[in-house]
Amino acid sequence: MIRLSVLALTLLACAPVASAQDMGTTATEPSMAVASDWRTVPAENLLVIDTNRGRILVEMTPEIAPLHVERMRLLARRAFFDGIVFHRVIDAFMAQTGDPLGTGDGQSPYPDLKAEFTFRRGPDMPFAMVAAPAGAPLGFLNSLPVQTQPDALMATTADGKVHGWGTYCPGVAGMARDEANDSANSQFFLMRQPYPALDKRYSVWGRVVSGLDIVRAIKVGDGENGMVTADPDRMIRVRVASDLPVDQRPVVQVMATSSAAFLTLIESVRMVRGADFSICDVDLPVQVSGPAAPAV
């Protein structure tokens, strides 16, 4: 589940890059925006992770990883994740959990999943391009940063679609696996910093839209390869928002990537970063309403 040899190679392959949040870049204040600037995350795609550190909200993206999103929904509905620890946490990398054994060797009783490293993007998908490096535009599919082949290639493919893949910016949720590609099961990780060396090697199934500060506050491992050897942080309760009673359900609105406010945001970040601009520098503004997380 991101075995030691794979992690070691990844750590050597790519040094972390500062995000806009780290650089002090801020987006347009939500109070200055209008209603049309916001998109409400569907409750069935919102994973509510309550930890001993606080609440993490993940927008799941079934458009790019339907098998993995369905597995996360299934396990949340079975209360499988409740009480499971963050067993491997590396400060400039990620926080990994989902192992009932807490050792990195456990998994759910369900079959392993087929890898979904890439997806097919059609003209009907809500892709908002923010940069166009040769051959592989970068943009957002809802709240998820993705890279993809150009639209022009759609006319040349049998299905009228092109390849795309999630890119591992801060907050992106990926599925851990063994050395075999089709070995993901229940373990997953949440990115603390950018790590593009993981792109197209681990299935992306969503992104943290609220609570990245909580992800970064999770206790860092003190053992070999980031293993947490004593008093690890843990998930208290994990549920799909649509499964919660309405009066307990958080409502999340994310800046719509189809809005003028989004274009203004992109240009402001690009001006600050200049030639160093990265899609990982873009923090989409979020508004969360509804009840607070339950007390631990």
C-alpha atoms as a PDB file:
ATOM      1  CA  MET A   1       0.000   0.000   0.000  1.00  0.00           C
ATOM      2  CA  ILE A   2       2.435   2.591  -1.326  1.00  0.00           C
ATOM      3  CA  ARG A   3       5.147   0.140  -0.275  1.00  0.00           C
ATOM      4  CA  LEU A   4       8.428   1.327   1.154  1.00  0.00           C
ATOM      5  CA  SER A   5      10.395   1.020  -2.071  1.00  0.00           C
ATOM      6  CA  VAL A   6       7.785   2.974  -4.024  1.00  0.00           C
ATOM      7  CA  LEU A   7       7.671   5.739  -1.427  1.00  0.00           C
ATOM      8  CA  ALA A   8      11.431   6.025  -1.297  1.00  0.00           C
ATOM      9  CA  LEU A   9      11.651   6.387  -5.061  1.00  0.00           C
ATOM     10  CA  THR A  10       8.872   8.973  -5.055  1.00  0.00           C
ATOM     11  CA  LEU A  11      10.486  11.061  -2.349  1.00  0.00           C
ATOM     12  CA  LEU A  12      13.714  11.185  -4.306  1.00  0.00           C
ATOM     13  CA  ALA A  13      11.951  11.904  -7.573  1.00  0.00           C
ATOM     14  CA  CYS A  14      10.202  15.142  -6.736  1.00  0.00           C
ATOM     15  CA  ALA A  15      10.827  17.893  -4.214  1.00  0.00           C
ATOM     16  CA  PRO A  16       7.727  19.723  -2.881  1.00  0.00           C
ATOM     17  CA  VAL A  17       6.613  22.980  -4.467  1.00  0.00           C
ATOM     18  CA  ALA A  18       4.984  25.787  -2.476  1.00  0.00           C
ATOM     19  CA  SER A  19       1.289  26.326  -3.168  1.00  0.00           C
ATOM     20  CA  ALA A  20      -0.477  29.658  -3.344  1.00  0.00           C
ATOM     21  CA  GLN A  21      -1.657  29.085   0.218  1.00  0.00           C
ATOM     22  CA  ASP A  22       1.954  28.626   1.337  1.00  0.00           C
ATOM     23  CA  MET A  23       2.996  31.727  -0.646  1.00  0.00           C
ATOM     24  CA  GLY A  24       0.330  33.851   1.004  1.00  0.00           C
ATOM     25  CA  THR A  25      -1.692  34.276  -2.207  1.00  0.00           C
ATOM     26  CA  THR A  26      -5.378  34.757  -1.430  1.00  0.00           C
ATOM     27  CA  ALA A  27      -8.428  34.422  -3.615  1.00  0.00           C
ATOM     28  CA  THR A  28     -11.326  36.821  -4.054  1.00  0.00           C
ATOM     29  CA  GLU A  29     -13.161  37.220  -0.756  1.00  0.00           C
ATOM     30  CA  PRO A  30     -16.335  35.046  -0.804  1.00  0.00           C
ATOM     31  CA  SER A  31     -18.388  37.987   0.509  1.00  0.00           C
ATOM     32  CA  MET A  32     -17.542  39.929  -2.680  1.00  0.00           C
ATOM     33  CA  ALA A  33     -18.815  37.198  -4.995  1.00  0.00           C
ATOM     34  CA  VAL A  34     -22.334  36.686  -6.350  1.00  0.00           C
ATOM     35  CA  ALA A  35     -24.519  33.585  -6.213  1.00  0.00           C
ATOM     36  CA  SER A  36     -23.631  32.508  -9.754  1.00  0.00           C
ATOM     37  CA  ASP A  37     -19.944  32.331  -8.749  1.00  0.00           C
ATOM     38  CA  TRP A  38     -20.640  29.258  -6.609  1.00  0.00           C
ATOM     39  CA  ARG A  39     -21.240  25.574  -7.311  1.00  0.00           C
ATOM     40  CA  THR A  40     -22.778  23.351  -4.627  1.00  0.00           C
ATOM     41  CA  VAL A  41     -21.024  19.998  -4.172  1.00  0.00           C
ATOM     42  CA  PRO A  42     -23.630  17.202  -4.528  1.00  0.00           C
ATOM     43  CA  ALA A  43     -24.168  15.510  -1.159  1.00  0.00           C
ATOM     44  CA  GLU A  44     -23.583  12.072  -2.697  1.00  0.00           C
ATOM     45  CA  ASN A  45     -20.100  13.221  -3.775  1.00  0.00           C
ATOM     46  CA  LEU A  46     -19.134  14.776  -0.437  1.00  0.00           C
ATOM     47  CA  LEU A  47     -17.157  12.579   1.963  1.00  0.00           C
ATOM     48  CA  VAL A  48     -17.227  13.818   5.559  1.00  0.00           C
ATOM     49  CA  ILE A  49     -14.146  12.686   7.496  1.00  0.00           C
ATOM     50  CA  ASP A  50     -14.278  13.585  11.188  1.00  0.00           C
ATOM     51  CA  THR A  51     -10.906  13.121  12.875  1.00  0.00           C
ATOM     52  CA  ASN A  52      -9.553  13.787  16.339  1.00  0.00           C
ATOM     53  CA  ARG A  53      -7.957  16.898  14.796  1.00  0.00           C
ATOM     54  CA  GLY A  54     -11.106  18.213  13.148  1.00  0.00           C
ATOM     55  CA  ARG A  55     -13.261  17.790  10.053  1.00  0.00           C
ATOM     56  CA  ILE A  56     -12.025  17.114   6.519  1.00  0.00           C
ATOM     57  CA  LEU A  57     -14.430  17.414   3.585  1.00  0.00           C
ATOM     58  CA  VAL A  58     -13.528  15.687   0.318  1.00  0.00           C
ATOM     59  CA  GLU A  59     -15.311  16.223  -2.978  1.00  0.00           C
ATOM     60  CA  MET A  60     -15.270  12.848  -4.687  1.00  0.00           C
ATOM     61  CA  THR A  61     -15.013  12.771  -8.481  1.00  0.00           C
ATOM     62  CA  PRO A  62     -16.831   9.738  -9.932  1.00  0.00           C
ATOM     63  CA  GLU A  63     -16.330  11.141 -13.452  1.00  0.00           C
ATOM     64  CA  ILE A  64     -12.677  10.088 -13.348  1.00  0.00           C
ATOM     65  CA  ALA A  65     -12.607   7.157 -10.915  1.00  0.00           C
ATOM     66  CA  PRO A  66     -16.080   5.581 -10.607  1.00  0.00           C
ATOM     67  CA  LEU A  67     -14.819   2.306  -9.110  1.00  0.00           C
ATOM     68  CA  HIS A  68     -12.784   4.029  -6.414  1.00  0.00           C
ATOM     69  CA  VAL A  69     -15.524   6.504  -5.527  1.00  0.00           C
ATOM     70  CA  GLU A  70     -18.037   3.678  -5.230  1.00  0.00           C
ATOM     71  CA  ARG A  71     -15.610   1.809  -2.944  1.00  0.00           C
ATOM     72  CA  MET A  72     -15.217   4.879  -0.720  1.00  0.00           C
ATOM     73  CA  ARG A  73     -18.990   5.241  -0.515  1.00  0.00           C
ATOM     74  CA  LEU A  74     -19.407   1.547   0.294  1.00  0.00           C
ATOM     75  CA  LEU A  75     -16.797   1.556   3.057  1.00  0.00           C
ATOM     76  CA  ALA A  76     -18.152   4.782   4.561  1.00  0.00           C
ATOM     77  CA  ARG A  77     -21.675   3.310   4.578  1.00  0.00           C
ATOM     78  CA  ARG A  78     -20.358   0.198   6.331  1.00  0.00           C
ATOM     79  CA  ALA A  79     -18.614   2.415   8.949  1.00  0.00           C
ATOM     80  CA  PHE A  80     -15.429   0.621   7.936  1.00  0.00           C
ATOM     81  CA  PHE A  81     -13.206   3.683   8.399  1.00  0.00           C
ATOM     82  CA  ASP A  82     -14.477   4.623  11.858  1.00  0.00           C
ATOM     83  CA  GLY A  83     -11.605   4.538  14.353  1.00  0.00           C
ATOM     84  CA  ILE A  84      -8.883   3.768  11.789  1.00  0.00           C
ATOM     85  CA  VAL A  85      -5.568   5.583  12.307  1.00  0.00           C
ATOM     86  CA  PHE A  86      -3.350   7.601   9.989  1.00  0.00           C
ATOM     87  CA  HIS A  87      -0.553   5.064  10.060  1.00  0.00           C
ATOM     88  CA  ARG A  88       1.915   6.695   7.636  1.00  0.00           C
ATOM     89  CA  VAL A  89       2.349  10.460   7.465  1.00  0.00           C
ATOM     90  CA  ILE A  90       5.191  12.306   5.733  1.00  0.00           C
ATOM     91  CA  ASP A  91       5.263  16.054   6.272  1.00  0.00           C
ATOM     92  CA  ALA A  92       6.077  17.289   2.744  1.00  0.00           C
ATOM     93  CA  PHE A  93       4.128  14.506   1.112  1.00  0.00           C
ATOM     94  CA  MET A  94       0.896  12.903   2.344  1.00  0.00           C
ATOM     95  CA  ALA A  95      -1.162  11.356   5.174  1.00  0.00           C
ATOM     96  CA  GLN A  96      -2.166   7.717   4.625  1.00  0.00           C
ATOM     97  CA  THR A  97      -4.968   5.791   6.327  1.00  0.00           C
ATOM     98  CA  GLY A  98      -7.679   3.210   5.633  1.00  0.00           C
ATOM     99  CA  ASP A  99      -5.849   0.164   7.041  1.00  0.00           C
ATOM    100  CA  PRO A 100      -7.813  -1.621   9.791  1.00  0.00           C
ATOM    101  CA  LEU A 101      -4.553  -3.151  11.070  1.00  0.00           C
ATOM    102  CA  GLY A 102      -2.762   0.197  11.268  1.00  0.00           C
ATOM    103  CA  THR A 103       0.415  -1.358   9.886  1.00  0.00           C
ATOM    104  CA  GLY A 104       0.158  -0.721   6.145  1.00  0.00           C
ATOM    105  CA  ASP A 105      -0.655  -4.379   5.451  1.00  0.00           C
ATOM    106  CA  GLY A 106      -4.419  -4.454   6.023  1.00  0.00           C
ATOM    107  CA  GLN A 107      -7.423  -3.903   3.803  1.00  0.00           C
ATOM    108  CA  SER A 108     -11.180  -4.353   3.553  1.00  0.00           C
ATOM    109  CA  PRO A 109     -12.829  -7.735   2.855  1.00  0.00           C
ATOM    110  CA  TYR A 110     -13.844  -6.549  -0.611  1.00  0.00           C
ATOM    111  CA  PRO A 111     -11.944  -7.380  -3.828  1.00  0.00           C
ATOM    112  CA  ASP A 112      -9.071  -5.208  -5.017  1.00  0.00           C
ATOM    113  CA  LEU A 113      -9.885  -2.533  -7.577  1.00  0.00           C
ATOM    114  CA  LYS A 114      -8.855  -2.114 -11.177  1.00  0.00           C
ATOM    115  CA  ALA A 115      -6.586   0.919 -11.557  1.00  0.00           C
ATOM    116  CA  GLU A 116      -8.126   4.175 -12.763  1.00  0.00           C
ATOM    117  CA  PHE A 117      -4.931   6.136 -13.359  1.00  0.00           C
ATOM    118  CA  THR A 118      -6.446   8.000 -16.322  1.00  0.00           C
ATOM    119  CA  PHE A 119      -9.940   8.755 -17.583  1.00  0.00           C
ATOM    120  CA  ARG A 120     -11.598   9.629 -20.876  1.00  0.00           C
ATOM    121  CA  ARG A 121     -12.616  13.284 -21.099  1.00  0.00           C
ATOM    122  CA  GLY A 122     -15.402  14.237 -23.457  1.00  0.00           C
ATOM    123  CA  PRO A 123     -16.775  17.632 -24.518  1.00  0.00           C
ATOM    124  CA  ASP A 124     -19.609  17.261 -21.994  1.00  0.00           C
ATOM    125  CA  MET A 125     -17.255  17.300 -18.988  1.00  0.00           C
ATOM    126  CA  PRO A 126     -16.957  20.659 -17.147  1.00  0.00           C
ATOM    127  CA  PHE A 127     -13.256  21.181 -17.820  1.00  0.00           C
ATOM    128  CA  ALA A 128     -11.936  24.708 -17.181  1.00  0.00           C
ATOM    129  CA  MET A 129      -8.475  25.197 -18.703  1.00  0.00           C
ATOM    130  CA  VAL A 130      -6.027  27.439 -16.844  1.00  0.00           C
ATOM    131  CA  ALA A 131      -2.791  26.749 -18.754  1.00  0.00           C
ATOM    132  CA  ALA A 132      -1.931  25.190 -22.098  1.00  0.00           C
ATOM    133  CA  PRO A 133       1.559  23.676 -22.144  1.00  0.00           C
ATOM    134  CA  ALA A 134       2.258  21.957 -25.462  1.00  0.00           C
ATOM    135  CA  GLY A 135       0.244  18.780 -25.806  1.00  0.00           C
ATOM    136  CA  ALA A 136      -1.270  18.631 -22.308  1.00  0.00           C
ATOM    137  CA  PRO A 137      -3.542  21.458 -21.089  1.00  0.00           C
ATOM    138  CA  LEU A 138      -4.049  21.919 -17.346  1.00  0.00           C
ATOM    139  CA  GLY A 139      -7.315  22.863 -15.699  1.00  0.00           C
ATOM    140  CA  PHE A 140     -10.051  21.909 -13.282  1.00  0.00           C
ATOM    141  CA  LEU A 141     -12.789  19.314 -13.412  1.00  0.00           C
ATOM    142  CA  ASN A 142     -14.984  20.697 -10.643  1.00  0.00           C
ATOM    143  CA  SER A 143     -12.535  21.141  -7.732  1.00  0.00           C
ATOM    144  CA  LEU A 144      -9.996  18.634  -9.040  1.00  0.00           C
ATOM    145  CA  PRO A 145      -6.845  19.770 -10.894  1.00  0.00           C
ATOM    146  CA  VAL A 146      -6.344  17.667 -14.011  1.00  0.00           C
ATOM    147  CA  GLN A 147      -4.074  17.441 -17.007  1.00  0.00           C
ATOM    148  CA  THR A 148      -5.402  16.252 -20.337  1.00  0.00           C
ATOM    149  CA  GLN A 149      -4.849  15.891 -24.039  1.00  0.00           C
ATOM    150  CA  PRO A 150      -6.077  18.835 -26.142  1.00  0.00           C
ATOM    151  CA  ASP A 151      -9.704  19.138 -27.240  1.00  0.00           C
ATOM    152  CA  ALA A 152      -8.568  19.103 -30.881  1.00  0.00           C
ATOM    153  CA  LEU A 153      -7.746  15.402 -30.583  1.00  0.00           C
ATOM    154  CA  MET A 154     -11.372  14.523 -29.797  1.00  0.00           C
ATOM    155  CA  ALA A 155     -12.167  14.659 -33.514  1.00  0.00           C
ATOM    156  CA  THR A 156      -9.581  11.923 -34.178  1.00  0.00           C
ATOM    157  CA  THR A 157     -10.628   9.336 -31.549  1.00  0.00           C
ATOM    158  CA  ALA A 158     -13.220   6.594 -31.890  1.00  0.00           C
ATOM    159  CA  ASP A 159     -15.154   7.669 -28.798  1.00  0.00           C
ATOM    160  CA  GLY A 160     -14.752  11.417 -29.349  1.00  0.00           C
ATOM    161  CA  LYS A 161     -12.840  11.723 -26.094  1.00  0.00           C
ATOM    162  CA  VAL A 162      -9.254  12.230 -24.941  1.00  0.00           C
ATOM    163  CA  HIS A 163      -7.146  10.997 -22.038  1.00  0.00           C
ATOM    164  CA  GLY A 164      -7.010  12.962 -18.790  1.00  0.00           C
ATOM    165  CA  TRP A 165      -5.575  12.365 -15.343  1.00  0.00           C
ATOM    166  CA  GLY A 166      -5.729  13.961 -11.915  1.00  0.00           C
ATOM    167  CA  THR A 167      -2.606  15.776 -10.806  1.00  0.00           C
ATOM    168  CA  TYR A 168      -1.349  15.475  -7.237  1.00  0.00           C
ATOM    169  CA  CYS A 169      -1.713  18.971  -5.814  1.00  0.00           C
ATOM    170  CA  PRO A 170      -2.292  19.652  -2.092  1.00  0.00           C
ATOM    171  CA  GLY A 171      -5.520  18.092  -0.855  1.00  0.00           C
ATOM    172  CA  VAL A 172      -5.845  15.616  -3.720  1.00  0.00           C
ATOM    173  CA  ALA A 173      -7.093  12.202  -2.533  1.00  0.00           C
ATOM    174  CA  GLY A 174      -5.416   9.135  -3.986  1.00  0.00           C
ATOM    175  CA  MET A 175      -5.807   5.404  -3.486  1.00  0.00           C
ATOM    176  CA  ALA A 176      -2.861   3.506  -2.057  1.00  0.00           C
ATOM    177  CA  ARG A 177      -1.855   0.218  -3.634  1.00  0.00           C
ATOM    178  CA  ASP A 178       0.728  -2.546  -3.597  1.00  0.00           C
ATOM    179  CA  GLU A 179       3.290  -2.970  -6.383  1.00  0.00           C
ATOM    180  CA  ALA A 180       0.605  -4.337  -8.717  1.00  0.00           C
ATOM    181  CA  ASN A 181      -1.435  -1.670 -10.490  1.00  0.00           C
ATOM    182  CA  ASP A 182      -4.781  -3.327  -9.731  1.00  0.00           C
ATOM    183  CA  SER A 183      -4.239  -3.771  -5.992  1.00  0.00           C
ATOM    184  CA  ALA A 184      -5.949  -0.737  -4.415  1.00  0.00           C
ATOM    185  CA  ASN A 185      -8.520  -1.722  -1.819  1.00  0.00           C
ATOM    186  CA  SER A 186      -9.284   0.468   1.208  1.00  0.00           C
ATOM    187  CA  GLN A 187      -6.127   2.408   2.004  1.00  0.00           C
ATOM    188  CA  PHE A 188      -6.029   5.988   0.766  1.00  0.00           C
ATOM    189  CA  PHE A 189      -3.941   9.109   1.210  1.00  0.00           C
ATOM    190  CA  LEU A 190      -4.512  12.861   1.295  1.00  0.00           C
ATOM    191  CA  MET A 191      -1.805  15.112  -0.104  1.00  0.00           C
ATOM    192  CA  ARG A 192      -0.168  17.621   2.241  1.00  0.00           C
ATOM    193  CA  GLN A 193       1.944  19.175  -0.557  1.00  0.00           C
ATOM    194  CA  PRO A 194       2.231  18.872  -4.370  1.00  0.00           C
ATOM    195  CA  TYR A 195       3.808  15.669  -5.654  1.00  0.00           C
ATOM    196  CA  PRO A 196       3.504  15.335  -9.449  1.00  0.00           C
ATOM    197  CA  ALA A 197       5.676  12.206  -9.453  1.00  0.00           C
ATOM    198  CA  LEU A 198       2.509  10.315  -8.429  1.00  0.00           C
ATOM    199  CA  ASP A 199       0.537  11.400 -11.512  1.00  0.00           C
ATOM    200  CA  LYS A 200      -0.789   8.464 -13.561  1.00  0.00           C
ATOM    201  CA  ARG A 201       0.659   6.009 -11.014  1.00  0.00           C
ATOM    202  CA  TYR A 202      -2.031   6.108  -8.309  1.00  0.00           C
ATOM    203  CA  SER A 203      -5.774   6.502  -8.851  1.00  0.00           C
ATOM    204  CA  VAL A 204      -7.156   9.934  -7.934  1.00  0.00           C
ATOM    205  CA  TRP A 205     -10.706   9.892  -6.574  1.00  0.00           C
ATOM    206  CA  GLY A 206     -11.261  13.392  -5.163  1.00  0.00           C
ATOM    207  CA  ARG A 207      -9.859  16.452  -3.414  1.00  0.00           C
ATOM    208  CA  VAL A 208     -10.103  18.047   0.011  1.00  0.00           C
ATOM    209  CA  VAL A 209     -12.291  21.138  -0.346  1.00  0.00           C
ATOM    210  CA  SER A 210     -12.260  22.027   3.356  1.00  0.00           C
ATOM    211  CA  GLY A 211      -9.855  20.941   6.070  1.00  0.00           C
ATOM    212  CA  LEU A 212      -6.475  20.975   4.328  1.00  0.00           C
ATOM    213  CA  ASP A 213      -5.180  22.581   7.528  1.00  0.00           C
ATOM    214  CA  ILE A 214      -6.395  19.486   9.387  1.00  0.00           C
ATOM    215  CA  VAL A 215      -4.622  17.190   6.915  1.00  0.00           C
ATOM    216  CA  ARG A 216      -1.413  19.140   7.508  1.00  0.00           C
ATOM    217  CA  ALA A 217      -1.892  18.987  11.284  1.00  0.00           C
ATOM    218  CA  ILE A 218      -2.079  15.174  11.399  1.00  0.00           C
ATOM    219  CA  LYS A 219       0.779  13.731  13.422  1.00  0.00           C
ATOM    220  CA  VAL A 220       3.860  13.083  11.295  1.00  0.00           C
ATOM    221  CA  GLY A 221       5.440   9.642  11.419  1.00  0.00           C
ATOM    222  CA  ASP A 222       8.544   9.129  13.523  1.00  0.00           C
ATOM    223  CA  GLY A 223       9.396   5.667  12.230  1.00  0.00           C
ATOM    224  CA  GLU A 224      10.904   4.275   9.063  1.00  0.00           C
ATOM    225  CA  ASN A 225       9.378   5.719   5.897  1.00  0.00           C
ATOM    226  CA  GLY A 226       6.891   7.862   7.780  1.00  0.00           C
ATOM    227  CA  MET A 227       5.267   5.186   9.931  1.00  0.00           C
ATOM    228  CA  VAL A 228       3.622   6.572  13.057  1.00  0.00           C
ATOM    229  CA  THR A 229       4.846   4.398  15.912  1.00  0.00           C
ATOM    230  CA  ALA A 230       3.025   5.947  18.887  1.00  0.00           C
ATOM    231  CA  ASP A 231      -0.338   7.646  19.490  1.00  0.00           C
ATOM    232  CA  PRO A 232      -1.358   8.173  15.839  1.00  0.00           C
ATOM    233  CA  ASP A 233      -4.194  10.475  14.882  1.00  0.00           C
ATOM    234  CA  ARG A 234      -7.343   8.731  13.716  1.00  0.00           C
ATOM    235  CA  MET A 235     -10.606   9.039  11.834  1.00  0.00           C
ATOM    236  CA  ILE A 236     -13.506   9.110  14.289  1.00  0.00           C
ATOM    237  CA  ARG A 237     -16.332   8.878  11.771  1.00  0.00           C
ATOM    238  CA  VAL A 238     -16.465   8.823   7.953  1.00  0.00           C
ATOM    239  CA  ARG A 239     -19.773   9.228   6.115  1.00  0.00           C
ATOM    240  CA  VAL A 240     -21.109  10.262   2.728  1.00  0.00           C
ATOM    241  CA  ALA A 241     -22.944  13.551   3.300  1.00  0.00           C
ATOM    242  CA  SER A 242     -26.101  12.280   1.593  1.00  0.00           C
ATOM    243  CA  ASP A 243     -26.328   9.505   4.201  1.00  0.00           C
ATOM    244  CA  LEU A 244     -26.422  11.972   7.095  1.00  0.00           C
ATOM    245  CA  PRO A 245     -29.684  13.431   8.392  1.00  0.00           C
ATOM    246  CA  VAL A 246     -30.339  16.801   6.773  1.00  0.00           C
ATOM    247  CA  ASP A 247     -29.830  18.633  10.061  1.00  0.00           C
ATOM    248  CA  GLN A 248     -26.364  17.039  10.420  1.00  0.00           C
ATOM    249  CA  ARG A 249     -25.274  17.494   6.804  1.00  0.00           C
ATOM    250  CA  PRO A 250     -22.634  20.078   5.836  1.00  0.00           C
ATOM    251  CA  VAL A 251     -23.255  22.036   2.646  1.00  0.00           C
ATOM    252  CA  VAL A 252     -20.196  22.961   0.604  1.00  0.00           C
ATOM    253  CA  GLN A 253     -20.042  25.569  -2.129  1.00  0.00           C
ATOM    254  CA  VAL A 254     -16.927  25.878  -4.264  1.00  0.00           C
ATOM    255  CA  MET A 255     -16.124  28.734  -6.638  1.00  0.00           C
ATOM    256  CA  ALA A 256     -17.560  27.767 -10.011  1.00  0.00           C
ATOM    257  CA  THR A 257     -14.835  27.350 -12.608  1.00  0.00           C
ATOM    258  CA  SER A 258     -17.293  28.665 -15.217  1.00  0.00           C
ATOM    259  CA  SER A 259     -17.550  32.029 -13.452  1.00  0.00           C
ATOM    260  CA  ALA A 260     -15.884  35.378 -14.101  1.00  0.00           C
ATOM    261  CA  ALA A 261     -14.652  35.303 -10.509  1.00  0.00           C
ATOM    262  CA  PHE A 262     -12.659  32.158 -11.318  1.00  0.00           C
ATOM    263  CA  LEU A 263     -10.976  33.852 -14.296  1.00  0.00           C
ATOM    264  CA  THR A 264     -10.076  36.791 -12.048  1.00  0.00           C
ATOM    265  CA  LEU A 265      -8.642  34.391  -9.476  1.00  0.00           C
ATOM    266  CA  ILE A 266      -6.488  32.623 -12.067  1.00  0.00           C
ATOM    267  CA  GLU A 267      -5.069  35.884 -13.380  1.00  0.00           C
ATOM    268  CA  SER A 268      -4.283  37.166  -9.877  1.00  0.00           C
ATOM    269  CA  VAL A 269      -2.394  33.982  -8.985  1.00  0.00           C
ATOM    270  CA  ARG A 270      -0.596  34.027 -12.335  1.00  0.00           C
ATOM    271  CA  MET A 271       0.549  37.617 -11.718  1.00  0.00           C
ATOM    272  CA  VAL A 272       1.978  36.693  -8.316  1.00  0.00           C
ATOM    273  CA  ARG A 273       3.720  33.515  -9.480  1.00  0.00           C
ATOM    274  CA  GLY A 274       4.855  34.669 -12.924  1.00  0.00           C
ATOM    275  CA  ALA A 275       6.890  32.059 -14.773  1.00  0.00           C
ATOM    276  CA  ASP A 276       6.633  29.758 -11.745  1.00  0.00           C
ATOM    277  CA  PHE A 277       2.829  29.525 -12.061  1.00  0.00           C
ATOM    278  CA  SER A 278       1.453  26.033 -11.389  1.00  0.00           C
ATOM    279  CA  ILE A 279      -2.079  24.707 -11.227  1.00  0.00           C
ATOM    280  CA  CYS A 280      -1.203  23.651  -7.678  1.00  0.00           C
ATOM    281  CA  ASP A 281      -0.936  27.361  -6.792  1.00  0.00           C
ATOM    282  CA  VAL A 282      -4.691  27.782  -7.286  1.00  0.00           C
ATOM    283  CA  ASP A 283      -6.803  27.422  -4.132  1.00  0.00           C
ATOM    284  CA  LEU A 284     -10.485  27.508  -5.040  1.00  0.00           C
ATOM    285  CA  PRO A 285     -12.498  29.539  -2.489  1.00  0.00           C
ATOM    286  CA  VAL A 286     -14.978  27.450  -0.513  1.00  0.00           C
ATOM    287  CA  GLN A 287     -17.993  28.231   1.666  1.00  0.00           C
ATOM    288  CA  VAL A 288     -19.164  25.648   4.201  1.00  0.00           C
ATOM    289  CA  SER A 289     -22.496  25.919   5.981  1.00  0.00           C
ATOM    290  CA  GLY A 290     -24.539  23.609   8.153  1.00  0.00           C
ATOM    291  CA  PRO A 291     -23.834  22.038  11.547  1.00  0.00           C
ATOM    292  CA  ALA A 292     -20.365  21.947  13.050  1.00  0.00           C
ATOM    293  CA  ALA A 293     -18.445  18.708  13.336  1.00  0.00           C
ATOM    294  CA  PRO A 294     -19.465  16.623  16.369  1.00  0.00           C
ATOM    295  CA  ALA A 295     -17.279  16.953  19.448  1.00  0.00           C
ATOM    296  CA  VAL A 296     -14.604  14.275  19.776  1.00  0.00           C
END
